[in-house]
Amino acid sequence: MYDEAAQRAARAVRREVIGDDGTAAADTLPAGYQDFVTATAWGVWARGGPLSRRDRSLLVLAMTAATGRMGAFRIHLEAAPRAGVTDAEIDELLFQLTAYCGAPAGNEASLILRQVRAAREAV
């Protein structure tokens, strides 16, 4: 269904940023679904262009928090350092998020941020 070279590139970026290949639960999903998600969500990371991985990571953090996708926000927050995002940049993102999306979005994101940082420091 998808160009195999593009699919391999998308999988590689996902592994580098998130840290796994995303197939752990693939056998419980509809046939082809995992390939579709990988090609769609990670193919855009693998395609190149003027946005760096850091830029893409910050954008995904902002979009997932703004749309209330806190599970995805947590995953990308944990992966952000591997994409080159600093804690200071994430702190600033909270200000932007709160200003443009409201205190509920900012507060929920800051709760997840505190949990992720506490878990990171506990290791």
C-alpha atoms as a PDB file:
ATOM      1  CA  MET A   1       0.000   0.000   0.000  1.00  0.00           C
ATOM      2  CA  TYR A   2       2.893   2.369   0.767  1.00  0.00           C
ATOM      3  CA  ASP A   3       6.233   2.916  -0.881  1.00  0.00           C
ATOM      4  CA  GLU A   4       8.500   0.513   1.017  1.00  0.00           C
ATOM      5  CA  ALA A   5      11.502   2.870   1.107  1.00  0.00           C
ATOM      6  CA  ALA A   6       9.347   5.674   2.501  1.00  0.00           C
ATOM      7  CA  GLN A   7       7.818   3.266   5.023  1.00  0.00           C
ATOM      8  CA  ARG A   8      11.289   2.140   6.180  1.00  0.00           C
ATOM      9  CA  ALA A   9      12.365   5.770   6.560  1.00  0.00           C
ATOM     10  CA  ALA A  10       9.232   6.582   8.581  1.00  0.00           C
ATOM     11  CA  ARG A  11       9.804   3.572  10.849  1.00  0.00           C
ATOM     12  CA  ALA A  12      13.436   4.578  11.364  1.00  0.00           C
ATOM     13  CA  VAL A  13      12.515   8.120  12.402  1.00  0.00           C
ATOM     14  CA  ARG A  14       9.861   6.806  14.773  1.00  0.00           C
ATOM     15  CA  ARG A  15      12.391   4.454  16.414  1.00  0.00           C
ATOM     16  CA  GLU A  16      14.957   7.263  16.741  1.00  0.00           C
ATOM     17  CA  VAL A  17      12.507   9.748  18.255  1.00  0.00           C
ATOM     18  CA  ILE A  18      10.082   7.581  20.250  1.00  0.00           C
ATOM     19  CA  GLY A  19      12.429   4.705  20.911  1.00  0.00           C
ATOM     20  CA  ASP A  20      10.413   1.744  19.617  1.00  0.00           C
ATOM     21  CA  ASP A  21       9.012   0.504  16.346  1.00  0.00           C
ATOM     22  CA  GLY A  22       5.364   0.853  17.337  1.00  0.00           C
ATOM     23  CA  THR A  23       4.422  -2.698  16.480  1.00  0.00           C
ATOM     24  CA  ALA A  24       3.970  -4.116  19.984  1.00  0.00           C
ATOM     25  CA  ALA A  25       0.176  -4.050  19.676  1.00  0.00           C
ATOM     26  CA  ALA A  26       0.001  -4.303  15.896  1.00  0.00           C
ATOM     27  CA  ASP A  27      -1.427  -7.824  15.967  1.00  0.00           C
ATOM     28  CA  THR A  28      -4.544  -6.517  17.727  1.00  0.00           C
ATOM     29  CA  LEU A  29      -5.144  -3.773  15.150  1.00  0.00           C
ATOM     30  CA  PRO A  30      -6.872  -3.978  11.769  1.00  0.00           C
ATOM     31  CA  ALA A  31      -4.609  -5.188   8.968  1.00  0.00           C
ATOM     32  CA  GLY A  32      -2.572  -2.311   7.574  1.00  0.00           C
ATOM     33  CA  TYR A  33      -3.525   0.167  10.302  1.00  0.00           C
ATOM     34  CA  GLN A  34      -0.043   0.386  11.854  1.00  0.00           C
ATOM     35  CA  ASP A  35       1.501   0.941   8.414  1.00  0.00           C
ATOM     36  CA  PHE A  36      -1.045   3.702   7.741  1.00  0.00           C
ATOM     37  CA  VAL A  37      -0.284   5.480  11.025  1.00  0.00           C
ATOM     38  CA  THR A  38       3.458   5.156  10.511  1.00  0.00           C
ATOM     39  CA  ALA A  39       3.298   6.387   6.915  1.00  0.00           C
ATOM     40  CA  THR A  40       1.059   9.296   7.843  1.00  0.00           C
ATOM     41  CA  ALA A  41       2.437  10.508  11.164  1.00  0.00           C
ATOM     42  CA  TRP A  42       6.107   9.574  10.805  1.00  0.00           C
ATOM     43  CA  GLY A  43       6.400   9.890   7.053  1.00  0.00           C
ATOM     44  CA  VAL A  44       6.064  13.641   7.431  1.00  0.00           C
ATOM     45  CA  TRP A  45       9.057  13.601   9.815  1.00  0.00           C
ATOM     46  CA  ALA A  46      11.080  11.481   7.380  1.00  0.00           C
ATOM     47  CA  ARG A  47      10.349  13.534   4.273  1.00  0.00           C
ATOM     48  CA  GLY A  48      12.921  16.201   5.061  1.00  0.00           C
ATOM     49  CA  GLY A  49      12.277  19.836   4.354  1.00  0.00           C
ATOM     50  CA  PRO A  50      13.128  22.993   6.261  1.00  0.00           C
ATOM     51  CA  LEU A  51      11.814  21.857   9.658  1.00  0.00           C
ATOM     52  CA  SER A  52      14.302  20.142  11.948  1.00  0.00           C
ATOM     53  CA  ARG A  53      13.372  17.259  14.225  1.00  0.00           C
ATOM     54  CA  ARG A  54      13.447  19.749  17.093  1.00  0.00           C
ATOM     55  CA  ASP A  55      10.967  21.987  15.245  1.00  0.00           C
ATOM     56  CA  ARG A  56       8.695  19.045  14.447  1.00  0.00           C
ATOM     57  CA  SER A  57       8.823  17.841  18.045  1.00  0.00           C
ATOM     58  CA  LEU A  58       7.826  21.261  19.384  1.00  0.00           C
ATOM     59  CA  LEU A  59       4.986  21.461  16.873  1.00  0.00           C
ATOM     60  CA  VAL A  60       3.686  18.006  17.803  1.00  0.00           C
ATOM     61  CA  LEU A  61       3.871  18.896  21.503  1.00  0.00           C
ATOM     62  CA  ALA A  62       1.890  22.071  20.905  1.00  0.00           C
ATOM     63  CA  MET A  63      -0.695  20.405  18.671  1.00  0.00           C
ATOM     64  CA  THR A  64      -1.293  17.389  20.884  1.00  0.00           C
ATOM     65  CA  ALA A  65      -1.634  19.557  24.008  1.00  0.00           C
ATOM     66  CA  ALA A  66      -3.871  22.066  22.213  1.00  0.00           C
ATOM     67  CA  THR A  67      -6.208  19.314  21.028  1.00  0.00           C
ATOM     68  CA  GLY A  68      -6.276  17.517  24.371  1.00  0.00           C
ATOM     69  CA  ARG A  69      -4.416  14.429  23.136  1.00  0.00           C
ATOM     70  CA  MET A  70      -2.565  14.056  26.434  1.00  0.00           C
ATOM     71  CA  GLY A  71      -1.535  10.440  25.851  1.00  0.00           C
ATOM     72  CA  ALA A  72       0.249  11.483  22.664  1.00  0.00           C
ATOM     73  CA  PHE A  73       1.539  14.607  24.419  1.00  0.00           C
ATOM     74  CA  ARG A  74       3.149  12.416  27.097  1.00  0.00           C
ATOM     75  CA  ILE A  75       4.763  10.115  24.518  1.00  0.00           C
ATOM     76  CA  HIS A  76       6.218  13.062  22.601  1.00  0.00           C
ATOM     77  CA  LEU A  77       7.215  14.863  25.797  1.00  0.00           C
ATOM     78  CA  GLU A  78       9.231  11.838  26.894  1.00  0.00           C
ATOM     79  CA  ALA A  79      10.827  11.679  23.433  1.00  0.00           C
ATOM     80  CA  ALA A  80      11.463  15.434  23.066  1.00  0.00           C
ATOM     81  CA  PRO A  81      15.063  15.371  24.348  1.00  0.00           C
ATOM     82  CA  ARG A  82      15.962  12.775  21.678  1.00  0.00           C
ATOM     83  CA  ALA A  83      14.631  15.213  19.093  1.00  0.00           C
ATOM     84  CA  GLY A  84      16.798  18.017  20.483  1.00  0.00           C
ATOM     85  CA  VAL A  85      14.172  19.865  22.535  1.00  0.00           C
ATOM     86  CA  THR A  86      15.395  21.406  25.789  1.00  0.00           C
ATOM     87  CA  ASP A  87      13.510  21.731  29.070  1.00  0.00           C
ATOM     88  CA  ALA A  88      13.641  25.528  28.689  1.00  0.00           C
ATOM     89  CA  GLU A  89      11.925  25.273  25.284  1.00  0.00           C
ATOM     90  CA  ILE A  90       9.208  23.046  26.735  1.00  0.00           C
ATOM     91  CA  ASP A  91       8.723  25.503  29.605  1.00  0.00           C
ATOM     92  CA  GLU A  92       8.254  28.302  27.068  1.00  0.00           C
ATOM     93  CA  LEU A  93       5.851  26.136  25.082  1.00  0.00           C
ATOM     94  CA  LEU A  94       3.604  26.019  28.177  1.00  0.00           C
ATOM     95  CA  PHE A  95       3.337  29.810  28.157  1.00  0.00           C
ATOM     96  CA  GLN A  96       2.403  29.826  24.450  1.00  0.00           C
ATOM     97  CA  LEU A  97      -0.059  26.988  24.944  1.00  0.00           C
ATOM     98  CA  THR A  98      -1.774  28.718  27.842  1.00  0.00           C
ATOM     99  CA  ALA A  99      -1.913  32.079  26.056  1.00  0.00           C
ATOM    100  CA  TYR A 100      -3.427  30.680  22.870  1.00  0.00           C
ATOM    101  CA  CYS A 101      -5.402  27.647  24.092  1.00  0.00           C
ATOM    102  CA  GLY A 102      -6.363  28.624  27.628  1.00  0.00           C
ATOM    103  CA  ALA A 103      -5.466  27.757  31.187  1.00  0.00           C
ATOM    104  CA  PRO A 104      -7.138  24.306  31.164  1.00  0.00           C
ATOM    105  CA  ALA A 105      -4.899  23.138  28.293  1.00  0.00           C
ATOM    106  CA  GLY A 106      -1.812  24.674  29.880  1.00  0.00           C
ATOM    107  CA  ASN A 107      -2.585  23.284  33.314  1.00  0.00           C
ATOM    108  CA  GLU A 108      -3.183  19.770  31.997  1.00  0.00           C
ATOM    109  CA  ALA A 109       0.034  19.902  29.983  1.00  0.00           C
ATOM    110  CA  SER A 110       1.964  21.183  33.007  1.00  0.00           C
ATOM    111  CA  LEU A 111       0.632  18.283  35.100  1.00  0.00           C
ATOM    112  CA  ILE A 112       1.903  15.790  32.517  1.00  0.00           C
ATOM    113  CA  LEU A 113       5.189  17.703  32.329  1.00  0.00           C
ATOM    114  CA  ARG A 114       5.702  17.464  36.089  1.00  0.00           C
ATOM    115  CA  GLN A 115       4.986  13.713  35.997  1.00  0.00           C
ATOM    116  CA  VAL A 116       7.378  13.103  33.113  1.00  0.00           C
ATOM    117  CA  ARG A 117      10.158  15.124  34.713  1.00  0.00           C
ATOM    118  CA  ALA A 118       9.674  13.421  38.092  1.00  0.00           C
ATOM    119  CA  ALA A 119       9.905  10.001  36.428  1.00  0.00           C
ATOM    120  CA  ARG A 120      13.000  11.078  34.513  1.00  0.00           C
ATOM    121  CA  GLU A 121      14.695  12.333  37.705  1.00  0.00           C
ATOM    122  CA  ALA A 122      13.791   9.138  39.585  1.00  0.00           C
ATOM    123  CA  VAL A 123      15.894   7.041  37.200  1.00  0.00           C
END
